Amino acid sequence: MRAGIQEDALRAMLEGGAVREVLVSRHGEKWGLAIRLGGAGSRWLPVRSRREALRTWASLTAVGRFADAQGIKGFAVEL
């Protein structure tokens, strides 16, 4: 299992300007969100919840609402 980032830590990193890129991608029928802290060579860190290794949303609209609430200005979508 790859490491992930908790929602609380995500908010702190966004406030500090540490997040460089945000990617939303499909995971079966659901959507997931991942961030990249460094440049192109760094790895993607999936957003986790306290109970799940990967936080998922039922629709792209729901991911957008979450991102907006966190202060994410934009993200790339991978279909």
PDB file of N, CA and C in Angstrom:
ATOM      1  N   MET A   1       0.839  -1.187   0.000  1.00  0.00           N
ATOM      2  CA  MET A   1       0.000   0.000   0.000  1.00  0.00           C
ATOM      3  C   MET A   1       0.875   1.237   0.000  1.00  0.00           C
ATOM      4  N   ARG A   2       0.622   2.126  -0.929  1.00  0.00           N
ATOM      5  CA  ARG A   2       1.354   3.375  -0.987  1.00  0.00           C
ATOM      6  C   ARG A   2       0.908   4.296   0.139  1.00  0.00           C
ATOM      7  N   ALA A   3       1.802   5.194   0.494  1.00  0.00           N
ATOM      8  CA  ALA A   3       1.449   6.188   1.509  1.00  0.00           C
ATOM      9  C   ALA A   3       0.426   7.154   0.924  1.00  0.00           C
ATOM     10  N   GLY A   4      -0.357   7.723   1.785  1.00  0.00           N
ATOM     11  CA  GLY A   4      -1.334   8.710   1.365  1.00  0.00           C
ATOM     12  C   GLY A   4      -1.267   9.901   2.293  1.00  0.00           C
ATOM     13  N   ILE A   5      -2.143  10.849   2.076  1.00  0.00           N
ATOM     14  CA  ILE A   5      -2.177  12.045   2.901  1.00  0.00           C
ATOM     15  C   ILE A   5      -3.576  12.192   3.482  1.00  0.00           C
ATOM     16  N   GLN A   6      -3.653  12.423   4.776  1.00  0.00           N
ATOM     17  CA  GLN A   6      -4.928  12.614   5.456  1.00  0.00           C
ATOM     18  C   GLN A   6      -5.531  13.958   5.059  1.00  0.00           C
ATOM     19  N   GLU A   7      -6.834  14.078   5.165  1.00  0.00           N
ATOM     20  CA  GLU A   7      -7.525  15.312   4.802  1.00  0.00           C
ATOM     21  C   GLU A   7      -7.043  16.504   5.621  1.00  0.00           C
ATOM     22  N   ASP A   8      -6.773  16.310   6.905  1.00  0.00           N
ATOM     23  CA  ASP A   8      -6.292  17.404   7.760  1.00  0.00           C
ATOM     24  C   ASP A   8      -4.931  17.902   7.289  1.00  0.00           C
ATOM     25  N   ALA A   9      -4.048  16.977   6.943  1.00  0.00           N
ATOM     26  CA  ALA A   9      -2.721  17.349   6.460  1.00  0.00           C
ATOM     27  C   ALA A   9      -2.822  18.028   5.097  1.00  0.00           C
ATOM     28  N   LEU A  10      -3.762  17.594   4.273  1.00  0.00           N
ATOM     29  CA  LEU A  10      -3.968  18.215   2.967  1.00  0.00           C
ATOM     30  C   LEU A  10      -4.303  19.692   3.137  1.00  0.00           C
ATOM     31  N   ARG A  11      -5.210  19.993   4.042  1.00  0.00           N
ATOM     32  CA  ARG A  11      -5.607  21.386   4.271  1.00  0.00           C
ATOM     33  C   ARG A  11      -4.408  22.227   4.706  1.00  0.00           C
ATOM     34  N   ALA A  12      -3.576  21.692   5.601  1.00  0.00           N
ATOM     35  CA  ALA A  12      -2.397  22.423   6.072  1.00  0.00           C
ATOM     36  C   ALA A  12      -1.405  22.649   4.936  1.00  0.00           C
ATOM     37  N   MET A  13      -1.227  21.649   4.089  1.00  0.00           N
ATOM     38  CA  MET A  13      -0.289  21.791   2.971  1.00  0.00           C
ATOM     39  C   MET A  13      -0.799  22.782   1.932  1.00  0.00           C
ATOM     40  N   LEU A  14      -2.101  22.805   1.722  1.00  0.00           N
ATOM     41  CA  LEU A  14      -2.677  23.781   0.799  1.00  0.00           C
ATOM     42  C   LEU A  14      -2.498  25.199   1.329  1.00  0.00           C
ATOM     43  N   GLU A  15      -2.740  25.389   2.616  1.00  0.00           N
ATOM     44  CA  GLU A  15      -2.568  26.707   3.223  1.00  0.00           C
ATOM     45  C   GLU A  15      -1.122  27.170   3.166  1.00  0.00           C
ATOM     46  N   GLY A  16      -0.189  26.230   3.273  1.00  0.00           N
ATOM     47  CA  GLY A  16       1.232  26.553   3.229  1.00  0.00           C
ATOM     48  C   GLY A  16       1.794  26.669   1.824  1.00  0.00           C
ATOM     49  N   GLY A  17       1.004  26.357   0.818  1.00  0.00           N
ATOM     50  CA  GLY A  17       1.459  26.456  -0.570  1.00  0.00           C
ATOM     51  C   GLY A  17       2.366  25.324  -1.010  1.00  0.00           C
ATOM     52  N   ALA A  18       2.335  24.198  -0.316  1.00  0.00           N
ATOM     53  CA  ALA A  18       3.219  23.076  -0.633  1.00  0.00           C
ATOM     54  C   ALA A  18       2.709  22.209  -1.781  1.00  0.00           C
ATOM     55  N   VAL A  19       1.421  22.264  -2.076  1.00  0.00           N
ATOM     56  CA  VAL A  19       0.840  21.402  -3.111  1.00  0.00           C
ATOM     57  C   VAL A  19       1.094  22.021  -4.480  1.00  0.00           C
ATOM     58  N   ARG A  20       1.734  21.260  -5.375  1.00  0.00           N
ATOM     59  CA  ARG A  20       2.072  21.750  -6.709  1.00  0.00           C
ATOM     60  C   ARG A  20       1.030  21.372  -7.755  1.00  0.00           C
ATOM     61  N   GLU A  21       0.508  20.149  -7.663  1.00  0.00           N
ATOM     62  CA  GLU A  21      -0.465  19.666  -8.645  1.00  0.00           C
ATOM     63  C   GLU A  21      -1.529  18.834  -7.951  1.00  0.00           C
ATOM     64  N   VAL A  22      -2.723  18.824  -8.536  1.00  0.00           N
ATOM     65  CA  VAL A  22      -3.828  18.016  -8.022  1.00  0.00           C
ATOM     66  C   VAL A  22      -4.408  17.233  -9.195  1.00  0.00           C
ATOM     67  N   LEU A  23      -4.636  15.945  -8.990  1.00  0.00           N
ATOM     68  CA  LEU A  23      -5.150  15.057 -10.030  1.00  0.00           C
ATOM     69  C   LEU A  23      -6.370  14.311  -9.515  1.00  0.00           C
ATOM     70  N   VAL A  24      -7.424  14.287 -10.314  1.00  0.00           N
ATOM     71  CA  VAL A  24      -8.627  13.512 -10.009  1.00  0.00           C
ATOM     72  C   VAL A  24      -8.697  12.390 -11.038  1.00  0.00           C
ATOM     73  N   SER A  25      -8.892  11.168 -10.578  1.00  0.00           N
ATOM     74  CA  SER A  25      -8.939  10.027 -11.503  1.00  0.00           C
ATOM     75  C   SER A  25     -10.018   9.034 -11.080  1.00  0.00           C
ATOM     76  N   ARG A  26     -10.423   8.215 -12.035  1.00  0.00           N
ATOM     77  CA  ARG A  26     -11.449   7.198 -11.774  1.00  0.00           C
ATOM     78  C   ARG A  26     -10.828   5.984 -11.106  1.00  0.00           C
ATOM     79  N   HIS A  27     -11.581   5.416 -10.180  1.00  0.00           N
ATOM     80  CA  HIS A  27     -11.218   4.165  -9.517  1.00  0.00           C
ATOM     81  C   HIS A  27     -12.462   3.298  -9.558  1.00  0.00           C
ATOM     82  N   GLY A  28     -12.620   2.573 -10.645  1.00  0.00           N
ATOM     83  CA  GLY A  28     -13.843   1.803 -10.848  1.00  0.00           C
ATOM     84  C   GLY A  28     -14.993   2.749 -11.139  1.00  0.00           C
ATOM     85  N   GLU A  29     -16.020   2.691 -10.310  1.00  0.00           N
ATOM     86  CA  GLU A  29     -17.187   3.563 -10.470  1.00  0.00           C
ATOM     87  C   GLU A  29     -17.066   4.859  -9.672  1.00  0.00           C
ATOM     88  N   LYS A  30     -15.990   5.013  -8.926  1.00  0.00           N
ATOM     89  CA  LYS A  30     -15.830   6.181  -8.056  1.00  0.00           C
ATOM     90  C   LYS A  30     -14.651   7.034  -8.509  1.00  0.00           C
ATOM     91  N   TRP A  31     -14.488   8.173  -7.857  1.00  0.00           N
ATOM     92  CA  TRP A  31     -13.427   9.122  -8.169  1.00  0.00           C
ATOM     93  C   TRP A  31     -12.513   9.292  -6.974  1.00  0.00           C
ATOM     94  N   GLY A  32     -11.225   9.468  -7.231  1.00  0.00           N
ATOM     95  CA  GLY A  32     -10.251   9.710  -6.176  1.00  0.00           C
ATOM     96  C   GLY A  32      -9.446  10.956  -6.485  1.00  0.00           C
ATOM     97  N   LEU A  33      -8.791  11.504  -5.480  1.00  0.00           N
ATOM     98  CA  LEU A  33      -8.009  12.727  -5.618  1.00  0.00           C
ATOM     99  C   LEU A  33      -6.609  12.464  -5.096  1.00  0.00           C
ATOM    100  N   ALA A  34      -5.606  12.948  -5.822  1.00  0.00           N
ATOM    101  CA  ALA A  34      -4.215  12.788  -5.411  1.00  0.00           C
ATOM    102  C   ALA A  34      -3.490  14.112  -5.602  1.00  0.00           C
ATOM    103  N   ILE A  35      -2.437  14.317  -4.803  1.00  0.00           N
ATOM    104  CA  ILE A  35      -1.657  15.543  -4.915  1.00  0.00           C
ATOM    105  C   ILE A  35      -0.194  15.219  -5.173  1.00  0.00           C
ATOM    106  N   ARG A  36       0.503  16.191  -5.726  1.00  0.00           N
ATOM    107  CA  ARG A  36       1.946  16.085  -5.929  1.00  0.00           C
ATOM    108  C   ARG A  36       2.571  17.290  -5.236  1.00  0.00           C
ATOM    109  N   LEU A  37       3.551  17.038  -4.382  1.00  0.00           N
ATOM    110  CA  LEU A  37       4.168  18.106  -3.605  1.00  0.00           C
ATOM    111  C   LEU A  37       5.375  18.716  -4.301  1.00  0.00           C
ATOM    112  N   GLY A  38       6.101  17.929  -5.065  1.00  0.00           N
ATOM    113  CA  GLY A  38       7.301  18.418  -5.732  1.00  0.00           C
ATOM    114  C   GLY A  38       7.079  18.588  -7.215  1.00  0.00           C
ATOM    115  N   GLY A  39       8.145  18.472  -7.969  1.00  0.00           N
ATOM    116  CA  GLY A  39       8.085  18.614  -9.413  1.00  0.00           C
ATOM    117  C   GLY A  39       7.631  17.338 -10.095  1.00  0.00           C
ATOM    118  N   ALA A  40       7.939  17.250 -11.389  1.00  0.00           N
ATOM    119  CA  ALA A  40       7.476  16.136 -12.211  1.00  0.00           C
ATOM    120  C   ALA A  40       8.012  14.785 -11.746  1.00  0.00           C
ATOM    121  N   GLY A  41       9.138  14.746 -11.085  1.00  0.00           N
ATOM    122  CA  GLY A  41       9.718  13.484 -10.634  1.00  0.00           C
ATOM    123  C   GLY A  41       9.144  12.948  -9.335  1.00  0.00           C
ATOM    124  N   SER A  42       8.368  13.745  -8.634  1.00  0.00           N
ATOM    125  CA  SER A  42       7.829  13.289  -7.361  1.00  0.00           C
ATOM    126  C   SER A  42       6.580  12.432  -7.581  1.00  0.00           C
ATOM    127  N   ARG A  43       6.226  11.645  -6.604  1.00  0.00           N
ATOM    128  CA  ARG A  43       5.095  10.727  -6.764  1.00  0.00           C
ATOM    129  C   ARG A  43       3.789  11.359  -6.291  1.00  0.00           C
ATOM    130  N   TRP A  44       2.711  10.780  -6.745  1.00  0.00           N
ATOM    131  CA  TRP A  44       1.372  11.239  -6.365  1.00  0.00           C
ATOM    132  C   TRP A  44       1.010  10.636  -5.020  1.00  0.00           C
ATOM    133  N   LEU A  45       0.426  11.442  -4.143  1.00  0.00           N
ATOM    134  CA  LEU A  45      -0.053  10.977  -2.843  1.00  0.00           C
ATOM    135  C   LEU A  45      -1.579  11.005  -2.857  1.00  0.00           C
ATOM    136  N   PRO A  46      -2.218   9.851  -2.735  1.00  0.00           N
ATOM    137  CA  PRO A  46      -3.685   9.841  -2.717  1.00  0.00           C
ATOM    138  C   PRO A  46      -4.217  10.424  -1.410  1.00  0.00           C
ATOM    139  N   VAL A  47      -5.354  11.070  -1.493  1.00  0.00           N
ATOM    140  CA  VAL A  47      -6.004  11.607  -0.297  1.00  0.00           C
ATOM    141  C   VAL A  47      -6.726  10.463   0.397  1.00  0.00           C
ATOM    142  N   ARG A  48      -6.504  10.328   1.696  1.00  0.00           N
ATOM    143  CA  ARG A  48      -7.116   9.272   2.493  1.00  0.00           C
ATOM    144  C   ARG A  48      -8.103   9.880   3.473  1.00  0.00           C
ATOM    145  N   SER A  49      -8.995   9.051   3.921  1.00  0.00           N
ATOM    146  CA  SER A  49      -9.851   9.455   5.038  1.00  0.00           C
ATOM    147  C   SER A  49      -9.328   8.737   6.275  1.00  0.00           C
ATOM    148  N   ARG A  50      -9.922   8.984   7.404  1.00  0.00           N
ATOM    149  CA  ARG A  50      -9.457   8.310   8.622  1.00  0.00           C
ATOM    150  C   ARG A  50      -9.715   6.814   8.591  1.00  0.00           C
ATOM    151  N   ARG A  51     -10.755   6.405   7.867  1.00  0.00           N
ATOM    152  CA  ARG A  51     -11.121   4.984   7.836  1.00  0.00           C
ATOM    153  C   ARG A  51     -10.682   4.262   6.573  1.00  0.00           C
ATOM    154  N   GLU A  52     -10.429   4.985   5.504  1.00  0.00           N
ATOM    155  CA  GLU A  52     -10.140   4.342   4.218  1.00  0.00           C
ATOM    156  C   GLU A  52      -8.747   4.707   3.729  1.00  0.00           C
ATOM    157  N   ALA A  53      -8.111   3.773   3.033  1.00  0.00           N
ATOM    158  CA  ALA A  53      -6.796   4.032   2.459  1.00  0.00           C
ATOM    159  C   ALA A  53      -6.891   4.994   1.277  1.00  0.00           C
ATOM    160  N   LEU A  54      -8.040   5.048   0.631  1.00  0.00           N
ATOM    161  CA  LEU A  54      -8.268   5.958  -0.482  1.00  0.00           C
ATOM    162  C   LEU A  54      -9.648   6.578  -0.318  1.00  0.00           C
ATOM    163  N   ARG A  55      -9.703   7.877  -0.194  1.00  0.00           N
ATOM    164  CA  ARG A  55     -10.986   8.578  -0.100  1.00  0.00           C
ATOM    165  C   ARG A  55     -11.581   8.620  -1.489  1.00  0.00           C
ATOM    166  N   THR A  56     -12.831   8.200  -1.632  1.00  0.00           N
ATOM    167  CA  THR A  56     -13.485   8.206  -2.937  1.00  0.00           C
ATOM    168  C   THR A  56     -14.780   9.000  -2.877  1.00  0.00           C
ATOM    169  N   TRP A  57     -15.195   9.460  -4.046  1.00  0.00           N
ATOM    170  CA  TRP A  57     -16.440  10.209  -4.203  1.00  0.00           C
ATOM    171  C   TRP A  57     -17.244   9.560  -5.315  1.00  0.00           C
ATOM    172  N   ALA A  58     -18.549   9.687  -5.245  1.00  0.00           N
ATOM    173  CA  ALA A  58     -19.438   9.042  -6.207  1.00  0.00           C
ATOM    174  C   ALA A  58     -19.465   9.760  -7.547  1.00  0.00           C
ATOM    175  N   SER A  59     -19.163  11.059  -7.560  1.00  0.00           N
ATOM    176  CA  SER A  59     -19.232  11.803  -8.825  1.00  0.00           C
ATOM    177  C   SER A  59     -18.115  12.838  -8.891  1.00  0.00           C
ATOM    178  N   LEU A  60     -17.833  13.270 -10.102  1.00  0.00           N
ATOM    179  CA  LEU A  60     -16.836  14.313 -10.307  1.00  0.00           C
ATOM    180  C   LEU A  60     -17.310  15.630  -9.692  1.00  0.00           C
ATOM    181  N   THR A  61     -18.596  15.857  -9.703  1.00  0.00           N
ATOM    182  CA  THR A  61     -19.162  17.058  -9.078  1.00  0.00           C
ATOM    183  C   THR A  61     -18.872  17.070  -7.575  1.00  0.00           C
ATOM    184  N   ALA A  62     -19.005  15.932  -6.926  1.00  0.00           N
ATOM    185  CA  ALA A  62     -18.728  15.838  -5.489  1.00  0.00           C
ATOM    186  C   ALA A  62     -17.251  16.100  -5.202  1.00  0.00           C
ATOM    187  N   VAL A  63     -16.363  15.609  -6.059  1.00  0.00           N
ATOM    188  CA  VAL A  63     -14.934  15.881  -5.886  1.00  0.00           C
ATOM    189  C   VAL A  63     -14.689  17.382  -6.024  1.00  0.00           C
ATOM    190  N   GLY A  64     -15.351  18.008  -6.988  1.00  0.00           N
ATOM    191  CA  GLY A  64     -15.213  19.442  -7.195  1.00  0.00           C
ATOM    192  C   GLY A  64     -15.660  20.243  -5.984  1.00  0.00           C
ATOM    193  N   ARG A  65     -16.749  19.838  -5.365  1.00  0.00           N
ATOM    194  CA  ARG A  65     -17.219  20.524  -4.159  1.00  0.00           C
ATOM    195  C   ARG A  65     -16.217  20.373  -3.012  1.00  0.00           C
ATOM    196  N   PHE A  66     -15.671  19.156  -2.853  1.00  0.00           N
ATOM    197  CA  PHE A  66     -14.658  18.922  -1.828  1.00  0.00           C
ATOM    198  C   PHE A  66     -13.425  19.787  -2.087  1.00  0.00           C
ATOM    199  N   ALA A  67     -12.960  19.797  -3.327  1.00  0.00           N
ATOM    200  CA  ALA A  67     -11.779  20.581  -3.686  1.00  0.00           C
ATOM    201  C   ALA A  67     -12.013  22.066  -3.419  1.00  0.00           C
ATOM    202  N   ASP A  68     -13.173  22.557  -3.779  1.00  0.00           N
ATOM    203  CA  ASP A  68     -13.508  23.961  -3.544  1.00  0.00           C
ATOM    204  C   ASP A  68     -13.513  24.277  -2.052  1.00  0.00           C
ATOM    205  N   ALA A  69     -14.070  23.389  -1.242  1.00  0.00           N
ATOM    206  CA  ALA A  69     -14.116  23.597   0.203  1.00  0.00           C
ATOM    207  C   ALA A  69     -12.716  23.580   0.820  1.00  0.00           C
ATOM    208  N   GLN A  70     -11.796  22.827   0.216  1.00  0.00           N
ATOM    209  CA  GLN A  70     -10.428  22.756   0.721  1.00  0.00           C
ATOM    210  C   GLN A  70      -9.582  23.941   0.267  1.00  0.00           C
ATOM    211  N   GLY A  71     -10.047  24.666  -0.742  1.00  0.00           N
ATOM    212  CA  GLY A  71      -9.284  25.794  -1.270  1.00  0.00           C
ATOM    213  C   GLY A  71      -8.449  25.453  -2.487  1.00  0.00           C
ATOM    214  N   ILE A  72      -8.743  24.323  -3.124  1.00  0.00           N
ATOM    215  CA  ILE A  72      -8.032  23.929  -4.337  1.00  0.00           C
ATOM    216  C   ILE A  72      -8.592  24.744  -5.488  1.00  0.00           C
ATOM    217  N   LYS A  73      -7.715  25.462  -6.180  1.00  0.00           N
ATOM    218  CA  LYS A  73      -8.145  26.371  -7.252  1.00  0.00           C
ATOM    219  C   LYS A  73      -8.417  25.633  -8.563  1.00  0.00           C
ATOM    220  N   GLY A  74      -7.729  24.540  -8.824  1.00  0.00           N
ATOM    221  CA  GLY A  74      -7.930  23.788 -10.057  1.00  0.00           C
ATOM    222  C   GLY A  74      -7.293  22.418  -9.954  1.00  0.00           C
ATOM    223  N   PHE A  75      -7.711  21.518 -10.829  1.00  0.00           N
ATOM    224  CA  PHE A  75      -7.134  20.178 -10.847  1.00  0.00           C
ATOM    225  C   PHE A  75      -7.265  19.588 -12.237  1.00  0.00           C
ATOM    226  N   ALA A  76      -6.425  18.613 -12.525  1.00  0.00           N
ATOM    227  CA  ALA A  76      -6.484  17.873 -13.783  1.00  0.00           C
ATOM    228  C   ALA A  76      -7.357  16.638 -13.563  1.00  0.00           C
ATOM    229  N   VAL A  77      -8.083  16.227 -14.608  1.00  0.00           N
ATOM    230  CA  VAL A  77      -8.934  15.046 -14.528  1.00  0.00           C
ATOM    231  C   VAL A  77      -8.376  13.995 -15.483  1.00  0.00           C
ATOM    232  N   GLU A  78      -8.153  12.801 -14.955  1.00  0.00           N
ATOM    233  CA  GLU A  78      -7.682  11.674 -15.743  1.00  0.00           C
ATOM    234  C   GLU A  78      -8.830  10.685 -15.862  1.00  0.00           C
ATOM    235  N   LEU A  79      -9.274  10.448 -17.079  1.00  0.00           N
ATOM    236  CA  LEU A  79     -10.416   9.532 -17.311  1.00  0.00           C
ATOM    237  C   LEU A  79      -9.981   8.106 -17.456  1.00  0.00           C
TER     238      LEU A  79
END
